[in-house]
Amino acid sequence: RHSVRVAEYSVLIAQKLGLSEQECENLRKAALLHDIGKIGIADKVLNKPAKLDDEEYAIMKSHVMRGAEILKDFTLVDHVIDGVKYHHERYDGTGYADGLKGDESPLYGRIIGVADAFDAMTSNRVYRNKLDIETVLNELERCKGTQFDPVIDDIIQELIRNKEIDIDALYQNNEDTKGEESE
């Protein structure tokens, strides 16, 4: 359900940004596919319960390029590559795959990146339990302008605080998924 949640959060953010209904639908589809490159990553890396070593981390990072390669001829969703290839770029330029900075990184990638990180923090993972919401909000604030686009970061925080993202339901639903998701 990770990709479904990332798609839901991405659309909520896009609506606040004023994207059209068609753009929101394209973004939803791109977000559903954002981790498609992980089909080329070995389960022993994806499901490792400990910190990845440098070689394993390089393999994990390759999922964005693998996904872009898989979808290179896919034309049914506008900007699908933008979400798949660029969702791990960082606003300060220290992300991957291309080290894009600020608005150099496509909007879909910047939106999906925040939504993806939020879902990672609020979900149980093989390597750690979900974080409490105050920790998540503090982390979002700490990473505003460095990891995340500050405008998009503010929007997701607003969605959380205004309960447009239902944290209680989210945490309830994630109780049953411990150990089922990675990265």
N, C-alpha and C. Protein backbone atom coordinates (compact mmCIF):
# COMPACT_ATOMS: atom_id res chain seq x y z
N ARG A 1 0.81 -1.21 0.00
CA ARG A 1 0.00 0.00 0.00
C ARG A 1 0.85 1.27 0.00
N HIS A 2 2.17 1.15 0.09
CA HIS A 2 3.04 2.33 0.11
C HIS A 2 2.78 3.24 -1.09
N SER A 3 2.79 2.68 -2.28
CA SER A 3 2.61 3.51 -3.48
C SER A 3 1.22 4.14 -3.55
N VAL A 4 0.22 3.43 -3.05
CA VAL A 4 -1.14 3.98 -3.02
C VAL A 4 -1.19 5.19 -2.08
N ARG A 5 -0.57 5.07 -0.91
CA ARG A 5 -0.56 6.20 0.03
C ARG A 5 0.24 7.37 -0.54
N VAL A 6 1.39 7.08 -1.14
CA VAL A 6 2.19 8.15 -1.74
C VAL A 6 1.39 8.87 -2.82
N ALA A 7 0.63 8.12 -3.60
CA ALA A 7 -0.22 8.72 -4.64
C ALA A 7 -1.29 9.61 -4.01
N GLU A 8 -1.91 9.13 -2.94
CA GLU A 8 -2.95 9.92 -2.26
C GLU A 8 -2.38 11.23 -1.72
N TYR A 9 -1.25 11.16 -1.04
CA TYR A 9 -0.64 12.37 -0.48
C TYR A 9 -0.19 13.32 -1.59
N SER A 10 0.34 12.75 -2.65
CA SER A 10 0.81 13.58 -3.77
C SER A 10 -0.34 14.38 -4.38
N VAL A 11 -1.47 13.74 -4.56
CA VAL A 11 -2.64 14.43 -5.13
C VAL A 11 -3.13 15.52 -4.18
N LEU A 12 -3.17 15.25 -2.89
CA LEU A 12 -3.58 16.28 -1.94
C LEU A 12 -2.67 17.50 -2.02
N ILE A 13 -1.38 17.27 -2.12
CA ILE A 13 -0.41 18.36 -2.26
C ILE A 13 -0.66 19.11 -3.57
N ALA A 14 -0.82 18.36 -4.66
CA ALA A 14 -1.02 18.97 -5.97
C ALA A 14 -2.28 19.83 -6.01
N GLN A 15 -3.33 19.37 -5.36
CA GLN A 15 -4.57 20.15 -5.32
C GLN A 15 -4.33 21.48 -4.60
N LYS A 16 -3.57 21.46 -3.52
CA LYS A 16 -3.25 22.69 -2.79
C LYS A 16 -2.38 23.63 -3.64
N LEU A 17 -1.58 23.03 -4.52
CA LEU A 17 -0.76 23.83 -5.43
C LEU A 17 -1.56 24.39 -6.59
N GLY A 18 -2.80 23.92 -6.75
CA GLY A 18 -3.65 24.41 -7.83
C GLY A 18 -3.48 23.69 -9.15
N LEU A 19 -2.91 22.49 -9.12
CA LEU A 19 -2.78 21.73 -10.36
C LEU A 19 -4.16 21.31 -10.85
N SER A 20 -4.29 21.20 -12.16
CA SER A 20 -5.57 20.83 -12.77
C SER A 20 -5.93 19.39 -12.41
N GLU A 21 -7.20 19.04 -12.65
CA GLU A 21 -7.66 17.67 -12.40
C GLU A 21 -6.84 16.67 -13.22
N GLN A 22 -6.55 17.00 -14.47
CA GLN A 22 -5.77 16.11 -15.33
C GLN A 22 -4.33 15.97 -14.81
N GLU A 23 -3.73 17.08 -14.37
CA GLU A 23 -2.38 17.02 -13.81
C GLU A 23 -2.36 16.18 -12.53
N CYS A 24 -3.39 16.34 -11.72
CA CYS A 24 -3.48 15.53 -10.49
C CYS A 24 -3.61 14.05 -10.82
N GLU A 25 -4.37 13.73 -11.84
CA GLU A 25 -4.52 12.32 -12.24
C GLU A 25 -3.20 11.77 -12.79
N ASN A 26 -2.49 12.56 -13.59
CA ASN A 26 -1.17 12.13 -14.09
C ASN A 26 -0.21 11.92 -12.93
N LEU A 27 -0.22 12.85 -11.98
CA LEU A 27 0.66 12.74 -10.81
C LEU A 27 0.30 11.49 -10.00
N ARG A 28 -0.98 11.23 -9.82
CA ARG A 28 -1.40 10.04 -9.09
C ARG A 28 -0.83 8.78 -9.73
N LYS A 29 -0.93 8.70 -11.05
CA LYS A 29 -0.41 7.52 -11.76
C LYS A 29 1.11 7.45 -11.67
N ALA A 30 1.78 8.59 -11.80
CA ALA A 30 3.24 8.61 -11.67
C ALA A 30 3.66 8.16 -10.27
N ALA A 31 2.94 8.63 -9.25
CA ALA A 31 3.26 8.26 -7.87
C ALA A 31 3.04 6.76 -7.65
N LEU A 32 2.01 6.21 -8.25
CA LEU A 32 1.79 4.76 -8.13
C LEU A 32 2.97 3.98 -8.69
N LEU A 33 3.64 4.55 -9.67
CA LEU A 33 4.75 3.87 -10.34
C LEU A 33 6.13 4.30 -9.84
N HIS A 34 6.19 5.19 -8.85
CA HIS A 34 7.46 5.81 -8.48
C HIS A 34 8.55 4.83 -8.09
N ASP A 35 8.22 3.70 -7.55
CA ASP A 35 9.21 2.71 -7.13
C ASP A 35 9.28 1.49 -8.04
N ILE A 36 8.79 1.61 -9.26
CA ILE A 36 8.76 0.46 -10.17
C ILE A 36 10.16 -0.12 -10.41
N GLY A 37 11.17 0.71 -10.32
CA GLY A 37 12.54 0.24 -10.52
C GLY A 37 13.01 -0.74 -9.46
N LYS A 38 12.30 -0.82 -8.35
CA LYS A 38 12.68 -1.76 -7.30
C LYS A 38 12.46 -3.21 -7.70
N ILE A 39 11.72 -3.44 -8.79
CA ILE A 39 11.58 -4.83 -9.24
C ILE A 39 12.92 -5.39 -9.68
N GLY A 40 13.89 -4.52 -9.95
CA GLY A 40 15.22 -4.96 -10.34
C GLY A 40 16.21 -5.02 -9.18
N ILE A 41 15.73 -4.81 -7.96
CA ILE A 41 16.60 -4.82 -6.78
C ILE A 41 16.38 -6.13 -6.01
N ALA A 42 17.47 -6.77 -5.64
CA ALA A 42 17.39 -8.06 -4.93
C ALA A 42 16.65 -7.91 -3.60
N ASP A 43 15.84 -8.91 -3.27
CA ASP A 43 15.08 -8.90 -2.02
C ASP A 43 16.00 -8.76 -0.80
N LYS A 44 17.20 -9.34 -0.86
CA LYS A 44 18.10 -9.26 0.30
C LYS A 44 18.52 -7.81 0.58
N VAL A 45 18.49 -6.95 -0.44
CA VAL A 45 18.77 -5.53 -0.24
C VAL A 45 17.49 -4.81 0.18
N LEU A 46 16.40 -5.07 -0.53
CA LEU A 46 15.12 -4.41 -0.23
C LEU A 46 14.64 -4.69 1.19
N ASN A 47 14.85 -5.90 1.66
CA ASN A 47 14.29 -6.32 2.94
C ASN A 47 15.32 -6.45 4.05
N LYS A 48 16.48 -5.86 3.86
CA LYS A 48 17.52 -5.96 4.88
C LYS A 48 17.07 -5.21 6.13
N PRO A 49 17.09 -5.86 7.28
CA PRO A 49 16.61 -5.23 8.52
C PRO A 49 17.63 -4.31 9.18
N ALA A 50 18.81 -4.18 8.60
CA ALA A 50 19.86 -3.33 9.17
C ALA A 50 20.24 -2.26 8.14
N LYS A 51 21.09 -1.36 8.56
CA LYS A 51 21.56 -0.29 7.67
C LYS A 51 22.27 -0.90 6.46
N LEU A 52 22.00 -0.33 5.29
CA LEU A 52 22.64 -0.79 4.07
C LEU A 52 24.10 -0.34 4.05
N ASP A 53 24.98 -1.23 3.56
CA ASP A 53 26.37 -0.80 3.39
C ASP A 53 26.45 0.04 2.10
N ASP A 54 27.62 0.57 1.80
CA ASP A 54 27.77 1.48 0.65
C ASP A 54 27.38 0.82 -0.67
N GLU A 55 27.78 -0.43 -0.84
CA GLU A 55 27.45 -1.15 -2.07
C GLU A 55 25.94 -1.38 -2.18
N GLU A 56 25.33 -1.80 -1.09
CA GLU A 56 23.88 -2.02 -1.08
C GLU A 56 23.12 -0.72 -1.31
N TYR A 57 23.60 0.36 -0.71
CA TYR A 57 22.95 1.66 -0.90
C TYR A 57 23.03 2.10 -2.35
N ALA A 58 24.17 1.87 -3.00
CA ALA A 58 24.31 2.20 -4.42
C ALA A 58 23.32 1.38 -5.25
N ILE A 59 23.15 0.12 -4.90
CA ILE A 59 22.18 -0.73 -5.59
C ILE A 59 20.77 -0.18 -5.37
N MET A 60 20.43 0.17 -4.12
CA MET A 60 19.11 0.71 -3.82
C MET A 60 18.86 2.00 -4.60
N LYS A 61 19.84 2.87 -4.65
CA LYS A 61 19.68 4.14 -5.36
C LYS A 61 19.44 3.94 -6.86
N SER A 62 19.88 2.81 -7.39
CA SER A 62 19.72 2.56 -8.82
C SER A 62 18.25 2.37 -9.21
N HIS A 63 17.35 2.23 -8.23
CA HIS A 63 15.95 1.98 -8.58
C HIS A 63 15.34 3.14 -9.38
N VAL A 64 15.83 4.35 -9.18
CA VAL A 64 15.25 5.47 -9.93
C VAL A 64 15.62 5.40 -11.41
N MET A 65 16.86 5.04 -11.70
CA MET A 65 17.29 4.90 -13.09
C MET A 65 16.67 3.66 -13.73
N ARG A 66 16.57 2.58 -12.96
CA ARG A 66 15.91 1.37 -13.47
C ARG A 66 14.46 1.67 -13.82
N GLY A 67 13.78 2.40 -12.94
CA GLY A 67 12.39 2.77 -13.20
C GLY A 67 12.26 3.65 -14.44
N ALA A 68 13.15 4.61 -14.58
CA ALA A 68 13.12 5.48 -15.76
C ALA A 68 13.35 4.67 -17.03
N GLU A 69 14.24 3.69 -16.96
CA GLU A 69 14.50 2.84 -18.12
C GLU A 69 13.27 1.99 -18.45
N ILE A 70 12.65 1.43 -17.45
CA ILE A 70 11.45 0.60 -17.66
C ILE A 70 10.36 1.42 -18.35
N LEU A 71 10.21 2.68 -17.94
CA LEU A 71 9.10 3.52 -18.43
C LEU A 71 9.48 4.46 -19.57
N LYS A 72 10.67 4.33 -20.12
CA LYS A 72 11.15 5.30 -21.11
C LYS A 72 10.23 5.43 -22.33
N ASP A 73 9.55 4.37 -22.71
CA ASP A 73 8.66 4.43 -23.87
C ASP A 73 7.19 4.48 -23.48
N PHE A 74 6.91 4.67 -22.21
CA PHE A 74 5.55 4.71 -21.69
C PHE A 74 4.99 6.11 -21.89
N THR A 75 3.97 6.23 -22.70
CA THR A 75 3.46 7.56 -23.06
C THR A 75 2.04 7.83 -22.54
N LEU A 76 1.46 6.90 -21.81
CA LEU A 76 0.09 7.06 -21.35
C LEU A 76 -0.06 8.05 -20.20
N VAL A 77 1.04 8.33 -19.48
CA VAL A 77 1.00 9.25 -18.34
C VAL A 77 2.03 10.35 -18.58
N ASP A 78 1.55 11.58 -18.74
CA ASP A 78 2.47 12.70 -18.91
C ASP A 78 3.36 12.85 -17.67
N HIS A 79 4.63 13.08 -17.89
CA HIS A 79 5.61 13.36 -16.83
C HIS A 79 5.85 12.18 -15.89
N VAL A 80 5.53 10.97 -16.31
CA VAL A 80 5.72 9.81 -15.42
C VAL A 80 7.19 9.67 -15.04
N ILE A 81 8.10 9.91 -15.97
CA ILE A 81 9.53 9.80 -15.69
C ILE A 81 9.95 10.82 -14.63
N ASP A 82 9.32 12.00 -14.64
CA ASP A 82 9.66 13.04 -13.66
C ASP A 82 9.44 12.54 -12.24
N GLY A 83 8.40 11.79 -12.02
CA GLY A 83 8.13 11.26 -10.68
C GLY A 83 9.01 10.08 -10.34
N VAL A 84 9.27 9.24 -11.32
CA VAL A 84 10.03 8.01 -11.09
C VAL A 84 11.52 8.30 -10.91
N LYS A 85 12.08 9.08 -11.79
CA LYS A 85 13.53 9.32 -11.79
C LYS A 85 13.97 10.34 -10.74
N TYR A 86 13.11 11.29 -10.41
CA TYR A 86 13.55 12.43 -9.61
C TYR A 86 12.98 12.50 -8.19
N HIS A 87 12.31 11.47 -7.71
CA HIS A 87 11.70 11.57 -6.38
C HIS A 87 12.71 11.48 -5.24
N HIS A 88 13.97 11.22 -5.53
CA HIS A 88 15.01 11.23 -4.49
C HIS A 88 16.00 12.38 -4.67
N GLU A 89 15.67 13.32 -5.55
CA GLU A 89 16.46 14.55 -5.61
C GLU A 89 16.17 15.33 -4.34
N ARG A 90 17.11 16.16 -3.95
CA ARG A 90 16.93 16.99 -2.75
C ARG A 90 16.96 18.46 -3.16
N TYR A 91 16.22 19.26 -2.46
CA TYR A 91 16.10 20.67 -2.81
C TYR A 91 17.46 21.37 -2.79
N ASP A 92 18.38 20.89 -1.94
CA ASP A 92 19.70 21.51 -1.86
C ASP A 92 20.69 20.94 -2.88
N GLY A 93 20.25 20.01 -3.72
CA GLY A 93 21.09 19.47 -4.79
C GLY A 93 21.91 18.26 -4.40
N THR A 94 21.74 17.72 -3.20
CA THR A 94 22.56 16.60 -2.75
C THR A 94 21.89 15.24 -2.94
N GLY A 95 20.75 15.20 -3.65
CA GLY A 95 20.04 13.94 -3.85
C GLY A 95 20.55 13.18 -5.06
N TYR A 96 19.77 12.21 -5.48
CA TYR A 96 20.13 11.41 -6.64
C TYR A 96 18.91 11.23 -7.52
N ALA A 97 18.99 11.02 -8.77
CA ALA A 97 20.08 10.48 -9.54
C ALA A 97 20.98 11.56 -10.16
N ASP A 98 20.49 12.76 -10.35
CA ASP A 98 21.26 13.77 -11.07
C ASP A 98 21.75 14.94 -10.23
N GLY A 99 21.46 14.96 -8.94
CA GLY A 99 21.90 16.06 -8.09
C GLY A 99 21.27 17.39 -8.45
N LEU A 100 20.01 17.36 -8.88
CA LEU A 100 19.31 18.59 -9.26
C LEU A 100 18.98 19.40 -8.02
N LYS A 101 19.01 20.73 -8.18
CA LYS A 101 18.80 21.63 -7.06
C LYS A 101 17.56 22.49 -7.29
N GLY A 102 16.77 22.69 -6.22
CA GLY A 102 15.63 23.60 -6.28
C GLY A 102 14.66 23.24 -7.40
N ASP A 103 14.28 24.26 -8.16
CA ASP A 103 13.32 24.09 -9.23
C ASP A 103 13.90 23.37 -10.46
N GLU A 104 15.20 23.04 -10.45
CA GLU A 104 15.76 22.22 -11.53
C GLU A 104 15.09 20.85 -11.52
N SER A 105 14.73 20.39 -10.35
CA SER A 105 14.07 19.10 -10.21
C SER A 105 12.61 19.26 -10.60
N PRO A 106 12.09 18.37 -11.43
CA PRO A 106 10.70 18.50 -11.87
C PRO A 106 9.72 18.47 -10.70
N LEU A 107 8.63 19.21 -10.86
CA LEU A 107 7.62 19.33 -9.81
C LEU A 107 7.10 17.98 -9.34
N TYR A 108 6.82 17.07 -10.28
CA TYR A 108 6.31 15.75 -9.88
C TYR A 108 7.30 15.05 -8.94
N GLY A 109 8.57 15.13 -9.24
CA GLY A 109 9.59 14.52 -8.39
C GLY A 109 9.63 15.14 -7.01
N ARG A 110 9.50 16.48 -6.95
CA ARG A 110 9.53 17.17 -5.66
C ARG A 110 8.31 16.84 -4.82
N ILE A 111 7.15 16.73 -5.46
CA ILE A 111 5.93 16.37 -4.72
C ILE A 111 6.01 14.93 -4.23
N ILE A 112 6.33 14.01 -5.12
CA ILE A 112 6.40 12.59 -4.75
C ILE A 112 7.48 12.37 -3.70
N GLY A 113 8.58 13.10 -3.78
CA GLY A 113 9.66 12.96 -2.80
C GLY A 113 9.20 13.24 -1.38
N VAL A 114 8.43 14.32 -1.19
CA VAL A 114 7.92 14.64 0.14
C VAL A 114 6.90 13.60 0.58
N ALA A 115 5.99 13.23 -0.32
CA ALA A 115 4.96 12.24 0.01
C ALA A 115 5.59 10.89 0.35
N ASP A 116 6.62 10.51 -0.38
CA ASP A 116 7.32 9.25 -0.16
C ASP A 116 8.01 9.25 1.20
N ALA A 117 8.70 10.32 1.52
CA ALA A 117 9.39 10.41 2.80
C ALA A 117 8.39 10.41 3.96
N PHE A 118 7.28 11.14 3.80
CA PHE A 118 6.26 11.16 4.83
C PHE A 118 5.73 9.75 5.07
N ASP A 119 5.43 9.03 3.99
CA ASP A 119 4.91 7.68 4.18
C ASP A 119 5.96 6.77 4.80
N ALA A 120 7.22 6.94 4.42
CA ALA A 120 8.28 6.13 5.02
C ALA A 120 8.36 6.37 6.53
N MET A 121 8.23 7.63 6.94
CA MET A 121 8.33 7.94 8.36
C MET A 121 7.13 7.45 9.16
N THR A 122 5.96 7.39 8.52
CA THR A 122 4.74 7.02 9.24
C THR A 122 4.35 5.56 9.05
N SER A 123 5.24 4.78 8.49
CA SER A 123 4.99 3.36 8.26
C SER A 123 6.03 2.51 8.97
N ASN A 124 5.62 1.34 9.38
CA ASN A 124 6.58 0.37 9.89
C ASN A 124 7.41 -0.13 8.73
N ARG A 125 8.70 -0.26 8.98
CA ARG A 125 9.64 -0.75 7.97
C ARG A 125 10.40 -1.94 8.54
N VAL A 126 11.04 -2.69 7.69
CA VAL A 126 11.77 -3.86 8.18
C VAL A 126 12.91 -3.45 9.11
N TYR A 127 13.40 -2.22 8.96
CA TYR A 127 14.55 -1.77 9.74
C TYR A 127 14.17 -0.86 10.92
N ARG A 128 12.89 -0.45 11.04
CA ARG A 128 12.47 0.36 12.18
C ARG A 128 10.95 0.50 12.20
N ASN A 129 10.43 0.82 13.40
CA ASN A 129 9.00 1.08 13.53
C ASN A 129 8.70 2.50 13.08
N LYS A 130 7.43 2.73 12.78
CA LYS A 130 6.99 4.07 12.38
C LYS A 130 7.33 5.09 13.46
N LEU A 131 7.47 6.34 13.04
CA LEU A 131 7.77 7.43 13.96
C LEU A 131 6.47 8.07 14.44
N ASP A 132 6.49 8.63 15.64
CA ASP A 132 5.30 9.34 16.11
C ASP A 132 5.14 10.64 15.32
N ILE A 133 3.93 11.17 15.30
CA ILE A 133 3.61 12.30 14.42
C ILE A 133 4.40 13.55 14.78
N GLU A 134 4.69 13.79 16.05
CA GLU A 134 5.49 14.97 16.42
C GLU A 134 6.91 14.85 15.86
N THR A 135 7.48 13.67 15.92
CA THR A 135 8.80 13.44 15.33
C THR A 135 8.76 13.67 13.83
N VAL A 136 7.70 13.19 13.19
CA VAL A 136 7.55 13.37 11.74
C VAL A 136 7.45 14.85 11.40
N LEU A 137 6.62 15.58 12.12
CA LEU A 137 6.48 17.02 11.86
C LEU A 137 7.80 17.76 12.10
N ASN A 138 8.51 17.38 13.15
CA ASN A 138 9.82 18.00 13.41
C ASN A 138 10.80 17.71 12.28
N GLU A 139 10.77 16.48 11.78
CA GLU A 139 11.67 16.09 10.69
C GLU A 139 11.31 16.84 9.41
N LEU A 140 10.03 16.97 9.12
CA LEU A 140 9.61 17.74 7.95
C LEU A 140 10.09 19.19 8.06
N GLU A 141 9.94 19.76 9.23
CA GLU A 141 10.39 21.15 9.43
C GLU A 141 11.91 21.25 9.31
N ARG A 142 12.62 20.30 9.88
CA ARG A 142 14.09 20.31 9.84
C ARG A 142 14.61 20.20 8.41
N CYS A 143 13.91 19.46 7.58
CA CYS A 143 14.37 19.20 6.21
C CYS A 143 13.81 20.19 5.18
N LYS A 144 13.02 21.14 5.64
CA LYS A 144 12.45 22.14 4.72
C LYS A 144 13.58 23.00 4.15
N GLY A 145 13.64 23.05 2.82
CA GLY A 145 14.65 23.86 2.15
C GLY A 145 15.96 23.14 1.92
N THR A 146 16.14 21.98 2.54
CA THR A 146 17.34 21.18 2.28
C THR A 146 16.95 19.92 1.51
N GLN A 147 16.23 19.03 2.17
CA GLN A 147 15.75 17.84 1.46
C GLN A 147 14.51 18.16 0.63
N PHE A 148 13.62 18.96 1.19
CA PHE A 148 12.31 19.18 0.57
C PHE A 148 12.12 20.61 0.10
N ASP A 149 11.38 20.75 -1.00
CA ASP A 149 10.94 22.05 -1.48
C ASP A 149 10.16 22.70 -0.33
N PRO A 150 10.52 23.92 0.08
CA PRO A 150 9.85 24.51 1.25
C PRO A 150 8.35 24.75 1.06
N VAL A 151 7.92 25.06 -0.14
CA VAL A 151 6.49 25.27 -0.39
C VAL A 151 5.73 23.96 -0.24
N ILE A 152 6.25 22.90 -0.82
CA ILE A 152 5.61 21.59 -0.75
C ILE A 152 5.66 21.07 0.68
N ASP A 153 6.77 21.28 1.37
CA ASP A 153 6.91 20.88 2.76
C ASP A 153 5.84 21.58 3.62
N ASP A 154 5.68 22.88 3.43
CA ASP A 154 4.65 23.61 4.18
C ASP A 154 3.25 23.04 3.92
N ILE A 155 3.00 22.67 2.66
CA ILE A 155 1.68 22.14 2.31
C ILE A 155 1.42 20.82 3.02
N ILE A 156 2.39 19.91 3.01
CA ILE A 156 2.12 18.62 3.67
C ILE A 156 1.96 18.81 5.18
N GLN A 157 2.72 19.72 5.76
CA GLN A 157 2.54 19.99 7.19
C GLN A 157 1.15 20.56 7.46
N GLU A 158 0.69 21.43 6.57
CA GLU A 158 -0.66 22.00 6.71
C GLU A 158 -1.72 20.90 6.58
N LEU A 159 -1.53 19.99 5.63
CA LEU A 159 -2.47 18.88 5.45
C LEU A 159 -2.54 18.02 6.71
N ILE A 160 -1.40 17.81 7.35
CA ILE A 160 -1.35 17.00 8.57
C ILE A 160 -2.04 17.75 9.71
N ARG A 161 -1.66 18.99 9.90
CA ARG A 161 -2.22 19.78 11.02
C ARG A 161 -3.72 20.00 10.88
N ASN A 162 -4.19 20.16 9.63
CA ASN A 162 -5.62 20.37 9.39
C ASN A 162 -6.39 19.06 9.30
N LYS A 163 -5.68 17.95 9.53
CA LYS A 163 -6.28 16.60 9.51
C LYS A 163 -6.87 16.23 8.16
N GLU A 164 -6.35 16.86 7.09
CA GLU A 164 -6.74 16.46 5.74
C GLU A 164 -6.03 15.15 5.37
N ILE A 165 -4.93 14.89 6.03
CA ILE A 165 -4.32 13.56 6.05
C ILE A 165 -4.67 13.02 7.42
N ASP A 166 -5.44 11.97 7.46
CA ASP A 166 -5.95 11.42 8.72
C ASP A 166 -4.89 10.55 9.38
N ILE A 167 -4.14 11.16 10.27
CA ILE A 167 -3.04 10.47 10.94
C ILE A 167 -3.54 9.30 11.78
N ASP A 168 -4.65 9.47 12.48
CA ASP A 168 -5.16 8.38 13.31
C ASP A 168 -5.46 7.15 12.48
N ALA A 169 -6.15 7.34 11.37
CA ALA A 169 -6.46 6.21 10.49
C ALA A 169 -5.18 5.64 9.88
N LEU A 170 -4.26 6.52 9.52
CA LEU A 170 -3.00 6.09 8.93
C LEU A 170 -2.24 5.20 9.91
N TYR A 171 -2.13 5.63 11.15
CA TYR A 171 -1.41 4.84 12.13
C TYR A 171 -2.14 3.54 12.45
N GLN A 172 -3.45 3.57 12.48
CA GLN A 172 -4.25 2.36 12.71
C GLN A 172 -4.02 1.36 11.58
N ASN A 173 -4.09 1.83 10.33
CA ASN A 173 -3.91 0.93 9.19
C ASN A 173 -2.50 0.37 9.11
N ASN A 174 -1.51 1.12 9.56
CA ASN A 174 -0.13 0.66 9.48
C ASN A 174 0.22 -0.34 10.57
N GLU A 175 -0.61 -0.50 11.58
CA GLU A 175 -0.35 -1.49 12.62
C GLU A 175 -0.24 -2.88 12.04
N ASP A 176 -1.00 -3.14 10.99
CA ASP A 176 -1.03 -4.48 10.41
C ASP A 176 0.04 -4.71 9.35
N THR A 177 0.86 -3.68 9.06
CA THR A 177 1.82 -3.81 7.97
C THR A 177 3.25 -3.89 8.45
N LYS A 178 3.49 -4.06 9.73
CA LYS A 178 4.86 -4.10 10.23
C LYS A 178 5.66 -5.17 9.49
N GLY A 179 6.80 -4.71 8.96
CA GLY A 179 7.69 -5.63 8.28
C GLY A 179 7.31 -5.94 6.84
N GLU A 180 6.28 -5.32 6.33
CA GLU A 180 5.84 -5.64 4.96
C GLU A 180 6.39 -4.67 3.92
N GLU A 181 7.00 -3.57 4.35
CA GLU A 181 7.44 -2.56 3.40
C GLU A 181 8.91 -2.27 3.61
N SER A 182 9.56 -1.84 2.53
CA SER A 182 10.97 -1.47 2.63
C SER A 182 11.18 -0.11 2.00
N GLU A 183 12.30 0.51 2.36
CA GLU A 183 12.76 1.85 1.97
C GLU A 183 11.72 2.91 1.96
